[in-house]
Amino acid sequence: MKGFFITFEGIEGSGKSTQVGLLGSRLKEEGYDIVVTREPGGTRIGEEIRSITHGRENVDLTAVTEAYLMAASRAQHVREIIKPSLSEGKIVVCDRYIDSSLAYQGYGRQLGEKEILELNKAALEGVMPDLTILLDVSCETGFARRNGTDKIDRLDLQQKDFYERVYRGYHLLAKKFSDRYFVVDSSKEIEIVEGLIWERVEGKVGKNPKLR
């Protein structure tokens, strides 16, 4: 792969969508050729899958079904968007990727990290992030940020113990894959978080003129 793959992770209310947008805008301003996308979604088929996994009416969706749907969306996403863009030398910025499945289905749903990774092997085609930014915020803060918004979906309706397992899962992953993880305290002001992220990203991509 000639490009650079950046993923954002975190629980609901961690500020991912905001920071993904800010980083995407900054990279464009600096002259980088970038693609901003998300999971589940990113493609027509992926967005249809997202409507199932996030639909508030689908409360009867089982944990195993959810895991397979996330992997299915990822398989389409990797082949249609991520892998081709990286092959063209672009920077891909993605709101969630494999670590979300490991944290949410592996730990949150208690299906197991190894089991989820095995399930996703074919979907990934060996494509892993060069940099994973974990926006670290407590479950309480995340819930407080989401309450009162019109963005509440099926995943927001899960019990607190589910999110506590997801939170712990993310921190276990950050330790296990410390070579690619960058953990940022996203309880801080948006501008401060943005600056910390840019400092790390610039240090990674700024040394490679081929990405411009």
C-alpha atoms as a PDB file:
ATOM      1  CA  MET A   1       0.000   0.000   0.000  1.00  0.00           C
ATOM      2  CA  LYS A   2       1.327   3.430  -0.985  1.00  0.00           C
ATOM      3  CA  GLY A   3      -1.134   5.557   1.000  1.00  0.00           C
ATOM      4  CA  PHE A   4      -1.714   6.074   4.709  1.00  0.00           C
ATOM      5  CA  PHE A   5      -4.672   4.678   6.656  1.00  0.00           C
ATOM      6  CA  ILE A   6      -5.987   6.552   9.715  1.00  0.00           C
ATOM      7  CA  THR A   7      -8.881   5.249  11.809  1.00  0.00           C
ATOM      8  CA  PHE A   8     -10.812   6.885  14.643  1.00  0.00           C
ATOM      9  CA  GLU A   9     -12.223   4.841  17.509  1.00  0.00           C
ATOM     10  CA  GLY A  10     -14.157   5.488  20.725  1.00  0.00           C
ATOM     11  CA  ILE A  11     -17.447   4.960  22.505  1.00  0.00           C
ATOM     12  CA  GLU A  12     -20.599   6.871  21.622  1.00  0.00           C
ATOM     13  CA  GLY A  13     -20.232  10.554  22.463  1.00  0.00           C
ATOM     14  CA  SER A  14     -16.436  10.538  22.272  1.00  0.00           C
ATOM     15  CA  GLY A  15     -16.411  13.150  19.503  1.00  0.00           C
ATOM     16  CA  LYS A  16     -15.266  10.982  16.603  1.00  0.00           C
ATOM     17  CA  SER A  17     -17.433  12.519  13.901  1.00  0.00           C
ATOM     18  CA  THR A  18     -16.318  16.028  14.867  1.00  0.00           C
ATOM     19  CA  GLN A  19     -12.622  15.172  14.919  1.00  0.00           C
ATOM     20  CA  VAL A  20     -12.824  13.137  11.696  1.00  0.00           C
ATOM     21  CA  GLY A  21     -14.300  16.182   9.972  1.00  0.00           C
ATOM     22  CA  LEU A  22     -11.717  18.548  11.402  1.00  0.00           C
ATOM     23  CA  LEU A  23      -8.792  16.330  10.447  1.00  0.00           C
ATOM     24  CA  GLY A  24     -10.182  15.787   6.961  1.00  0.00           C
ATOM     25  CA  SER A  25     -10.506  19.536   6.423  1.00  0.00           C
ATOM     26  CA  ARG A  26      -7.006  20.203   7.734  1.00  0.00           C
ATOM     27  CA  LEU A  27      -5.428  17.558   5.513  1.00  0.00           C
ATOM     28  CA  LYS A  28      -7.204  18.989   2.458  1.00  0.00           C
ATOM     29  CA  GLU A  29      -6.031  22.506   3.335  1.00  0.00           C
ATOM     30  CA  GLU A  30      -2.475  21.195   3.584  1.00  0.00           C
ATOM     31  CA  GLY A  31      -2.708  19.764   0.073  1.00  0.00           C
ATOM     32  CA  TYR A  32      -3.072  16.058   0.831  1.00  0.00           C
ATOM     33  CA  ASP A  33      -5.152  13.774  -1.382  1.00  0.00           C
ATOM     34  CA  ILE A  34      -7.617  12.253   1.069  1.00  0.00           C
ATOM     35  CA  VAL A  35     -10.742  10.134   1.392  1.00  0.00           C
ATOM     36  CA  VAL A  36     -13.012  10.457   4.440  1.00  0.00           C
ATOM     37  CA  THR A  37     -15.344   7.549   5.111  1.00  0.00           C
ATOM     38  CA  ARG A  38     -17.054   5.587   7.883  1.00  0.00           C
ATOM     39  CA  GLU A  39     -18.107   2.164   9.154  1.00  0.00           C
ATOM     40  CA  PRO A  40     -20.512   0.622   9.006  1.00  0.00           C
ATOM     41  CA  GLY A  41     -21.211   2.391   5.740  1.00  0.00           C
ATOM     42  CA  GLY A  42     -18.951   4.136   3.257  1.00  0.00           C
ATOM     43  CA  THR A  43     -20.545   2.377   0.288  1.00  0.00           C
ATOM     44  CA  ARG A  44     -24.117   2.005  -0.948  1.00  0.00           C
ATOM     45  CA  ILE A  45     -24.334  -1.528   0.386  1.00  0.00           C
ATOM     46  CA  GLY A  46     -22.564  -0.570   3.606  1.00  0.00           C
ATOM     47  CA  GLU A  47     -25.051   2.225   4.265  1.00  0.00           C
ATOM     48  CA  GLU A  48     -27.939  -0.200   3.795  1.00  0.00           C
ATOM     49  CA  ILE A  49     -26.323  -2.505   6.339  1.00  0.00           C
ATOM     50  CA  ARG A  50     -25.907   0.460   8.696  1.00  0.00           C
ATOM     51  CA  SER A  51     -29.645   1.134   8.526  1.00  0.00           C
ATOM     52  CA  ILE A  52     -30.154  -2.385   9.921  1.00  0.00           C
ATOM     53  CA  THR A  53     -27.439  -2.366  12.605  1.00  0.00           C
ATOM     54  CA  HIS A  54     -28.321   1.137  13.846  1.00  0.00           C
ATOM     55  CA  GLY A  55     -32.096   1.100  13.329  1.00  0.00           C
ATOM     56  CA  ARG A  56     -33.860   1.612  16.668  1.00  0.00           C
ATOM     57  CA  GLU A  57     -36.596  -0.790  15.608  1.00  0.00           C
ATOM     58  CA  ASN A  58     -34.127  -3.690  15.296  1.00  0.00           C
ATOM     59  CA  VAL A  59     -33.898  -4.459  18.998  1.00  0.00           C
ATOM     60  CA  ASP A  60     -34.152  -8.186  18.236  1.00  0.00           C
ATOM     61  CA  LEU A  61     -30.885  -8.214  16.250  1.00  0.00           C
ATOM     62  CA  THR A  62     -28.690 -10.878  17.833  1.00  0.00           C
ATOM     63  CA  ALA A  63     -25.034 -10.350  18.764  1.00  0.00           C
ATOM     64  CA  VAL A  64     -23.788 -12.878  16.188  1.00  0.00           C
ATOM     65  CA  THR A  65     -25.942 -11.395  13.424  1.00  0.00           C
ATOM     66  CA  GLU A  66     -24.641  -7.934  14.303  1.00  0.00           C
ATOM     67  CA  ALA A  67     -21.041  -9.163  14.096  1.00  0.00           C
ATOM     68  CA  TYR A  68     -21.574 -10.717  10.662  1.00  0.00           C
ATOM     69  CA  LEU A  69     -23.305  -7.603   9.342  1.00  0.00           C
ATOM     70  CA  MET A  70     -20.426  -5.388  10.490  1.00  0.00           C
ATOM     71  CA  ALA A  71     -17.953  -7.717   8.761  1.00  0.00           C
ATOM     72  CA  ALA A  72     -20.077  -7.736   5.597  1.00  0.00           C
ATOM     73  CA  SER A  73     -20.101  -3.942   5.459  1.00  0.00           C
ATOM     74  CA  ARG A  74     -16.323  -3.948   5.998  1.00  0.00           C
ATOM     75  CA  ALA A  75     -15.730  -6.451   3.192  1.00  0.00           C
ATOM     76  CA  GLN A  76     -17.532  -4.191   0.726  1.00  0.00           C
ATOM     77  CA  HIS A  77     -15.823  -1.097   2.119  1.00  0.00           C
ATOM     78  CA  VAL A  78     -12.289  -2.482   1.878  1.00  0.00           C
ATOM     79  CA  ARG A  79     -12.713  -3.644  -1.698  1.00  0.00           C
ATOM     80  CA  GLU A  80     -14.669  -0.677  -3.011  1.00  0.00           C
ATOM     81  CA  ILE A  81     -13.146   2.297  -1.151  1.00  0.00           C
ATOM     82  CA  ILE A  82     -10.265   1.686   1.248  1.00  0.00           C
ATOM     83  CA  LYS A  83      -7.917  -0.617  -0.658  1.00  0.00           C
ATOM     84  CA  PRO A  84      -8.232   1.187  -4.032  1.00  0.00           C
ATOM     85  CA  SER A  85      -7.690   4.587  -2.380  1.00  0.00           C
ATOM     86  CA  LEU A  86      -4.578   3.403  -0.535  1.00  0.00           C
ATOM     87  CA  SER A  87      -3.246   1.843  -3.740  1.00  0.00           C
ATOM     88  CA  GLU A  88      -3.608   5.269  -5.380  1.00  0.00           C
ATOM     89  CA  GLY A  89      -1.466   6.801  -2.644  1.00  0.00           C
ATOM     90  CA  LYS A  90      -4.275   8.626  -0.844  1.00  0.00           C
ATOM     91  CA  ILE A  91      -4.736   9.201   2.877  1.00  0.00           C
ATOM     92  CA  VAL A  92      -7.853   7.399   4.077  1.00  0.00           C
ATOM     93  CA  VAL A  93      -9.515   8.730   7.243  1.00  0.00           C
ATOM     94  CA  CYS A  94     -12.144   6.323   8.549  1.00  0.00           C
ATOM     95  CA  ASP A  95     -14.666   6.755  11.370  1.00  0.00           C
ATOM     96  CA  ARG A  96     -14.427   3.235  12.917  1.00  0.00           C
ATOM     97  CA  TYR A  97     -12.857   0.066  11.496  1.00  0.00           C
ATOM     98  CA  ILE A  98     -11.906  -3.413  12.776  1.00  0.00           C
ATOM     99  CA  ASP A  99     -11.186  -2.185  16.329  1.00  0.00           C
ATOM    100  CA  SER A 100     -14.843  -1.218  16.683  1.00  0.00           C
ATOM    101  CA  SER A 101     -15.846  -4.805  15.988  1.00  0.00           C
ATOM    102  CA  LEU A 102     -13.264  -6.070  18.464  1.00  0.00           C
ATOM    103  CA  ALA A 103     -14.446  -3.620  21.149  1.00  0.00           C
ATOM    104  CA  TYR A 104     -18.203  -3.709  20.546  1.00  0.00           C
ATOM    105  CA  GLN A 105     -18.841  -7.289  19.448  1.00  0.00           C
ATOM    106  CA  GLY A 106     -15.727  -8.930  20.895  1.00  0.00           C
ATOM    107  CA  TYR A 107     -15.845  -7.304  24.335  1.00  0.00           C
ATOM    108  CA  GLY A 108     -19.215  -5.525  24.540  1.00  0.00           C
ATOM    109  CA  ARG A 109     -21.215  -8.477  23.204  1.00  0.00           C
ATOM    110  CA  GLN A 110     -18.721 -10.882  24.770  1.00  0.00           C
ATOM    111  CA  LEU A 111     -18.190 -12.872  21.570  1.00  0.00           C
ATOM    112  CA  GLY A 112     -14.404 -12.825  22.047  1.00  0.00           C
ATOM    113  CA  GLU A 113     -11.591 -10.826  20.456  1.00  0.00           C
ATOM    114  CA  LYS A 114     -10.030 -13.800  18.676  1.00  0.00           C
ATOM    115  CA  GLU A 115     -13.399 -14.941  17.354  1.00  0.00           C
ATOM    116  CA  ILE A 116     -14.224 -11.519  15.907  1.00  0.00           C
ATOM    117  CA  LEU A 117     -10.782 -11.170  14.347  1.00  0.00           C
ATOM    118  CA  GLU A 118     -11.150 -14.597  12.725  1.00  0.00           C
ATOM    119  CA  LEU A 119     -14.593 -13.652  11.418  1.00  0.00           C
ATOM    120  CA  ASN A 120     -13.148 -10.498   9.820  1.00  0.00           C
ATOM    121  CA  LYS A 121     -10.074 -12.045   8.193  1.00  0.00           C
ATOM    122  CA  ALA A 122     -11.625 -12.363   4.750  1.00  0.00           C
ATOM    123  CA  ALA A 123     -13.197  -8.911   5.003  1.00  0.00           C
ATOM    124  CA  LEU A 124      -9.925  -7.167   5.883  1.00  0.00           C
ATOM    125  CA  GLU A 125      -7.771  -8.621   3.088  1.00  0.00           C
ATOM    126  CA  GLY A 126      -4.791  -7.761   5.264  1.00  0.00           C
ATOM    127  CA  VAL A 127      -5.596  -4.030   5.310  1.00  0.00           C
ATOM    128  CA  MET A 128      -4.874  -2.637   8.787  1.00  0.00           C
ATOM    129  CA  PRO A 129      -4.600   0.989   9.973  1.00  0.00           C
ATOM    130  CA  ASP A 130      -1.256   2.779  10.038  1.00  0.00           C
ATOM    131  CA  LEU A 131      -2.572   4.978  12.858  1.00  0.00           C
ATOM    132  CA  THR A 132      -5.564   4.445  15.149  1.00  0.00           C
ATOM    133  CA  ILE A 133      -6.733   7.449  17.159  1.00  0.00           C
ATOM    134  CA  LEU A 134      -8.705   6.460  20.255  1.00  0.00           C
ATOM    135  CA  LEU A 135     -10.789   9.313  21.609  1.00  0.00           C
ATOM    136  CA  ASP A 136     -10.871   8.459  25.281  1.00  0.00           C
ATOM    137  CA  VAL A 137     -13.879   9.630  27.272  1.00  0.00           C
ATOM    138  CA  SER A 138     -15.736   8.073  30.203  1.00  0.00           C
ATOM    139  CA  CYS A 139     -19.046   6.307  29.639  1.00  0.00           C
ATOM    140  CA  GLU A 140     -20.758   8.945  31.801  1.00  0.00           C
ATOM    141  CA  THR A 141     -19.429  11.815  29.700  1.00  0.00           C
ATOM    142  CA  GLY A 142     -20.274  10.018  26.471  1.00  0.00           C
ATOM    143  CA  PHE A 143     -23.860   9.411  27.579  1.00  0.00           C
ATOM    144  CA  ALA A 144     -24.238  13.019  28.713  1.00  0.00           C
ATOM    145  CA  ARG A 145     -23.126  14.265  25.309  1.00  0.00           C
ATOM    146  CA  ARG A 146     -25.547  12.007  23.444  1.00  0.00           C
ATOM    147  CA  ASN A 147     -28.603  12.660  25.624  1.00  0.00           C
ATOM    148  CA  GLY A 148     -30.870  15.318  24.235  1.00  0.00           C
ATOM    149  CA  THR A 149     -29.620  14.953  20.654  1.00  0.00           C
ATOM    150  CA  ASP A 150     -31.671  13.657  17.737  1.00  0.00           C
ATOM    151  CA  LYS A 151     -28.958  11.137  16.830  1.00  0.00           C
ATOM    152  CA  ILE A 152     -29.958   8.398  19.270  1.00  0.00           C
ATOM    153  CA  ASP A 153     -29.809   5.028  17.496  1.00  0.00           C
ATOM    154  CA  ARG A 154     -29.989   1.346  18.421  1.00  0.00           C
ATOM    155  CA  LEU A 155     -26.445   1.246  19.803  1.00  0.00           C
ATOM    156  CA  ASP A 156     -27.161   4.216  22.053  1.00  0.00           C
ATOM    157  CA  LEU A 157     -29.926   2.216  23.706  1.00  0.00           C
ATOM    158  CA  GLN A 158     -27.610  -0.448  25.140  1.00  0.00           C
ATOM    159  CA  GLN A 159     -27.204  -0.908  28.883  1.00  0.00           C
ATOM    160  CA  LYS A 160     -24.428   0.829  30.798  1.00  0.00           C
ATOM    161  CA  ASP A 161     -22.566  -2.438  31.526  1.00  0.00           C
ATOM    162  CA  PHE A 162     -22.305  -3.035  27.772  1.00  0.00           C
ATOM    163  CA  TYR A 163     -20.503   0.282  27.292  1.00  0.00           C
ATOM    164  CA  GLU A 164     -18.275  -0.338  30.260  1.00  0.00           C
ATOM    165  CA  ARG A 165     -17.115  -3.569  28.596  1.00  0.00           C
ATOM    166  CA  VAL A 166     -16.566  -1.699  25.312  1.00  0.00           C
ATOM    167  CA  TYR A 167     -14.556   0.955  27.148  1.00  0.00           C
ATOM    168  CA  ARG A 168     -12.356  -1.644  28.837  1.00  0.00           C
ATOM    169  CA  GLY A 169     -11.979  -3.462  25.527  1.00  0.00           C
ATOM    170  CA  TYR A 170     -10.665  -0.357  23.799  1.00  0.00           C
ATOM    171  CA  HIS A 171      -8.038   0.142  26.484  1.00  0.00           C
ATOM    172  CA  LEU A 172      -6.919  -3.466  26.215  1.00  0.00           C
ATOM    173  CA  LEU A 173      -6.593  -3.032  22.447  1.00  0.00           C
ATOM    174  CA  ALA A 174      -4.641   0.215  22.894  1.00  0.00           C
ATOM    175  CA  LYS A 175      -2.109  -1.609  25.066  1.00  0.00           C
ATOM    176  CA  LYS A 176      -1.928  -4.628  22.774  1.00  0.00           C
ATOM    177  CA  PHE A 177      -1.480  -2.563  19.603  1.00  0.00           C
ATOM    178  CA  SER A 178       0.427   0.359  21.109  1.00  0.00           C
ATOM    179  CA  ASP A 179       2.570   0.676  17.968  1.00  0.00           C
ATOM    180  CA  ARG A 180      -0.387   2.078  15.999  1.00  0.00           C
ATOM    181  CA  TYR A 181      -2.627   3.487  18.743  1.00  0.00           C
ATOM    182  CA  PHE A 182      -2.684   7.131  19.833  1.00  0.00           C
ATOM    183  CA  VAL A 183      -4.940   7.739  22.835  1.00  0.00           C
ATOM    184  CA  VAL A 184      -6.331  11.253  23.284  1.00  0.00           C
ATOM    185  CA  ASP A 185      -8.319  12.547  26.258  1.00  0.00           C
ATOM    186  CA  SER A 186     -11.378  13.805  24.381  1.00  0.00           C
ATOM    187  CA  SER A 187     -13.012  15.279  27.468  1.00  0.00           C
ATOM    188  CA  LYS A 188     -10.847  18.328  26.734  1.00  0.00           C
ATOM    189  CA  GLU A 189     -11.942  21.232  24.528  1.00  0.00           C
ATOM    190  CA  ILE A 190     -12.451  20.391  20.854  1.00  0.00           C
ATOM    191  CA  GLU A 191      -9.614  22.710  19.771  1.00  0.00           C
ATOM    192  CA  ILE A 192      -7.138  21.081  22.152  1.00  0.00           C
ATOM    193  CA  VAL A 193      -8.055  17.578  20.987  1.00  0.00           C
ATOM    194  CA  GLU A 194      -7.803  18.707  17.369  1.00  0.00           C
ATOM    195  CA  GLY A 195      -4.323  20.118  17.984  1.00  0.00           C
ATOM    196  CA  LEU A 196      -3.039  16.949  19.641  1.00  0.00           C
ATOM    197  CA  ILE A 197      -4.353  14.823  16.797  1.00  0.00           C
ATOM    198  CA  TRP A 198      -2.856  17.083  14.130  1.00  0.00           C
ATOM    199  CA  GLU A 199       0.526  17.031  15.827  1.00  0.00           C
ATOM    200  CA  ARG A 200       0.595  13.227  15.705  1.00  0.00           C
ATOM    201  CA  VAL A 201      -0.786  12.958  12.164  1.00  0.00           C
ATOM    202  CA  GLU A 202       1.583  15.591  10.771  1.00  0.00           C
ATOM    203  CA  GLY A 203       4.475  13.739  12.364  1.00  0.00           C
ATOM    204  CA  LYS A 204       3.421  10.600  10.501  1.00  0.00           C
ATOM    205  CA  VAL A 205       2.396  11.857   7.054  1.00  0.00           C
ATOM    206  CA  GLY A 206       4.520  15.004   6.816  1.00  0.00           C
ATOM    207  CA  LYS A 207       7.624  12.924   6.254  1.00  0.00           C
ATOM    208  CA  ASN A 208       6.145  11.363   3.122  1.00  0.00           C
ATOM    209  CA  PRO A 209       5.938  13.861   0.216  1.00  0.00           C
ATOM    210  CA  LYS A 210       4.309  11.187  -1.992  1.00  0.00           C
ATOM    211  CA  LEU A 211       1.064  11.604  -0.038  1.00  0.00           C
ATOM    212  CA  ARG A 212       0.584  15.160  -1.336  1.00  0.00           C
END
